[in-house]
């Protein structure tokens, strides 16, 4: 299945290359929800208003029917609390 690619080192390398243009990446790894693989990224934007104080969470899931991207933001001061909520949202999103 296409979602299985999310766990492959080459896929993570490709994602890192794409994300690094606009984010400083703190974490990039694959995850699974109900047997469907995805990629999650934690980081901060390299530009934009107040970018130094922003924490970005992005989760991408791909299936043969399409792609779902969850993008969330909070402050760098409290990322751990945001991550807990964002992880819950990620598991609640239905893949296409």
C-alpha atoms as a PDB file:
ATOM      1  CA  UNK A   1       0.000   0.000   0.000  1.00  0.00           C
ATOM      2  CA  UNK A   2       1.164   3.550  -0.667  1.00  0.00           C
ATOM      3  CA  UNK A   3       1.052   4.390   3.050  1.00  0.00           C
ATOM      4  CA  UNK A   4       3.755   1.758   3.660  1.00  0.00           C
ATOM      5  CA  UNK A   5       6.217   4.100   1.931  1.00  0.00           C
ATOM      6  CA  UNK A   6       6.031   6.427   4.969  1.00  0.00           C
ATOM      7  CA  UNK A   7       8.132   3.969   6.949  1.00  0.00           C
ATOM      8  CA  UNK A   8      10.880   3.755   4.330  1.00  0.00           C
ATOM      9  CA  UNK A   9      14.141   5.655   4.983  1.00  0.00           C
ATOM     10  CA  UNK A  10      14.094   7.123   1.446  1.00  0.00           C
ATOM     11  CA  UNK A  11      10.614   8.564   2.017  1.00  0.00           C
ATOM     12  CA  UNK A  12      11.671  10.201   5.282  1.00  0.00           C
ATOM     13  CA  UNK A  13      14.764  11.585   3.534  1.00  0.00           C
ATOM     14  CA  UNK A  14      12.578  13.046   0.773  1.00  0.00           C
ATOM     15  CA  UNK A  15      10.201  14.592   3.315  1.00  0.00           C
ATOM     16  CA  UNK A  16      13.126  16.091   5.221  1.00  0.00           C
ATOM     17  CA  UNK A  17      14.432  17.657   2.023  1.00  0.00           C
ATOM     18  CA  UNK A  18      11.055  19.226   1.251  1.00  0.00           C
ATOM     19  CA  UNK A  19      10.354  20.457   4.791  1.00  0.00           C
ATOM     20  CA  UNK A  20      13.848  21.848   5.379  1.00  0.00           C
ATOM     21  CA  UNK A  21      13.232  24.634   2.887  1.00  0.00           C
ATOM     22  CA  UNK A  22      10.725  26.270   5.226  1.00  0.00           C
ATOM     23  CA  UNK A  23      11.187  24.599   8.641  1.00  0.00           C
ATOM     24  CA  UNK A  24      13.961  23.899  11.099  1.00  0.00           C
ATOM     25  CA  UNK A  25      13.118  20.256  11.815  1.00  0.00           C
ATOM     26  CA  UNK A  26      13.313  18.975  15.383  1.00  0.00           C
ATOM     27  CA  UNK A  27      11.696  15.574  14.722  1.00  0.00           C
ATOM     28  CA  UNK A  28      10.719  13.608  11.626  1.00  0.00           C
ATOM     29  CA  UNK A  29       9.463  10.044  11.888  1.00  0.00           C
ATOM     30  CA  UNK A  30       6.880   7.629  10.602  1.00  0.00           C
ATOM     31  CA  UNK A  31       3.792   6.607  12.563  1.00  0.00           C
ATOM     32  CA  UNK A  32       0.873   4.220  12.141  1.00  0.00           C
ATOM     33  CA  UNK A  33      -2.809   4.673  12.921  1.00  0.00           C
ATOM     34  CA  UNK A  34      -5.081   1.681  12.340  1.00  0.00           C
ATOM     35  CA  UNK A  35      -2.476   0.089  10.083  1.00  0.00           C
ATOM     36  CA  UNK A  36      -2.044   3.167   7.873  1.00  0.00           C
ATOM     37  CA  UNK A  37       1.440   4.664   7.883  1.00  0.00           C
ATOM     38  CA  UNK A  38       2.182   8.375   7.872  1.00  0.00           C
ATOM     39  CA  UNK A  39       4.940  10.890   8.538  1.00  0.00           C
ATOM     40  CA  UNK A  40       4.996  13.365  11.427  1.00  0.00           C
ATOM     41  CA  UNK A  41       7.235  16.423  11.634  1.00  0.00           C
ATOM     42  CA  UNK A  42       7.926  18.782  14.545  1.00  0.00           C
ATOM     43  CA  UNK A  43       9.763  22.021  13.895  1.00  0.00           C
ATOM     44  CA  UNK A  44       9.676  25.767  13.611  1.00  0.00           C
ATOM     45  CA  UNK A  45       9.252  27.993  10.571  1.00  0.00           C
ATOM     46  CA  UNK A  46      12.320  29.736   9.177  1.00  0.00           C
ATOM     47  CA  UNK A  47      10.425  32.923   8.298  1.00  0.00           C
ATOM     48  CA  UNK A  48       7.199  34.785   8.926  1.00  0.00           C
ATOM     49  CA  UNK A  49       5.699  36.889  11.693  1.00  0.00           C
ATOM     50  CA  UNK A  50       6.998  35.794  15.117  1.00  0.00           C
ATOM     51  CA  UNK A  51       8.493  32.677  13.486  1.00  0.00           C
ATOM     52  CA  UNK A  52      11.078  32.270  16.250  1.00  0.00           C
ATOM     53  CA  UNK A  53       8.326  31.667  18.810  1.00  0.00           C
ATOM     54  CA  UNK A  54       6.206  29.272  16.713  1.00  0.00           C
ATOM     55  CA  UNK A  55       6.159  25.453  16.958  1.00  0.00           C
ATOM     56  CA  UNK A  56       4.772  23.542  13.960  1.00  0.00           C
ATOM     57  CA  UNK A  57       3.356  20.006  13.972  1.00  0.00           C
ATOM     58  CA  UNK A  58       2.575  18.373  10.647  1.00  0.00           C
ATOM     59  CA  UNK A  59       1.241  14.871  10.022  1.00  0.00           C
ATOM     60  CA  UNK A  60       0.804  13.474   6.508  1.00  0.00           C
ATOM     61  CA  UNK A  61      -1.061  10.292   5.624  1.00  0.00           C
ATOM     62  CA  UNK A  62      -1.309   8.977   2.062  1.00  0.00           C
ATOM     63  CA  UNK A  63      -3.517   6.205   0.724  1.00  0.00           C
ATOM     64  CA  UNK A  64      -4.455   5.221  -2.837  1.00  0.00           C
ATOM     65  CA  UNK A  65      -7.537   7.447  -2.424  1.00  0.00           C
ATOM     66  CA  UNK A  66      -5.652  10.615  -1.459  1.00  0.00           C
ATOM     67  CA  UNK A  67      -3.581  12.521   1.082  1.00  0.00           C
ATOM     68  CA  UNK A  68      -4.531  14.015   4.428  1.00  0.00           C
ATOM     69  CA  UNK A  69      -2.319  16.664   6.013  1.00  0.00           C
ATOM     70  CA  UNK A  70      -2.825  17.907   9.557  1.00  0.00           C
ATOM     71  CA  UNK A  71      -0.928  21.117  10.289  1.00  0.00           C
ATOM     72  CA  UNK A  72      -1.023  22.633  13.765  1.00  0.00           C
ATOM     73  CA  UNK A  73       0.859  25.441  15.473  1.00  0.00           C
ATOM     74  CA  UNK A  74       1.498  26.585  19.030  1.00  0.00           C
ATOM     75  CA  UNK A  75       4.201  28.560  20.801  1.00  0.00           C
ATOM     76  CA  UNK A  76       7.745  27.315  21.300  1.00  0.00           C
ATOM     77  CA  UNK A  77       7.215  27.978  25.021  1.00  0.00           C
ATOM     78  CA  UNK A  78       4.652  25.162  25.399  1.00  0.00           C
ATOM     79  CA  UNK A  79       5.198  22.598  22.615  1.00  0.00           C
ATOM     80  CA  UNK A  80       4.794  19.521  24.851  1.00  0.00           C
ATOM     81  CA  UNK A  81       1.185  20.399  25.707  1.00  0.00           C
ATOM     82  CA  UNK A  82       0.449  21.099  22.059  1.00  0.00           C
ATOM     83  CA  UNK A  83       1.995  17.818  20.930  1.00  0.00           C
ATOM     84  CA  UNK A  84      -0.334  15.854  23.229  1.00  0.00           C
ATOM     85  CA  UNK A  85      -3.386  17.508  21.670  1.00  0.00           C
ATOM     86  CA  UNK A  86      -2.012  17.311  18.135  1.00  0.00           C
ATOM     87  CA  UNK A  87      -1.279  13.574  18.521  1.00  0.00           C
ATOM     88  CA  UNK A  88      -4.897  13.057  19.610  1.00  0.00           C
ATOM     89  CA  UNK A  89      -6.132  14.993  16.587  1.00  0.00           C
ATOM     90  CA  UNK A  90      -3.885  12.921  14.314  1.00  0.00           C
ATOM     91  CA  UNK A  91      -5.423   9.671  15.521  1.00  0.00           C
ATOM     92  CA  UNK A  92      -8.943  11.095  15.102  1.00  0.00           C
ATOM     93  CA  UNK A  93      -8.451  12.091  11.449  1.00  0.00           C
ATOM     94  CA  UNK A  94      -9.840   9.564   9.002  1.00  0.00           C
ATOM     95  CA  UNK A  95      -7.481   8.724   6.166  1.00  0.00           C
ATOM     96  CA  UNK A  96      -8.994   8.975   2.684  1.00  0.00           C
END
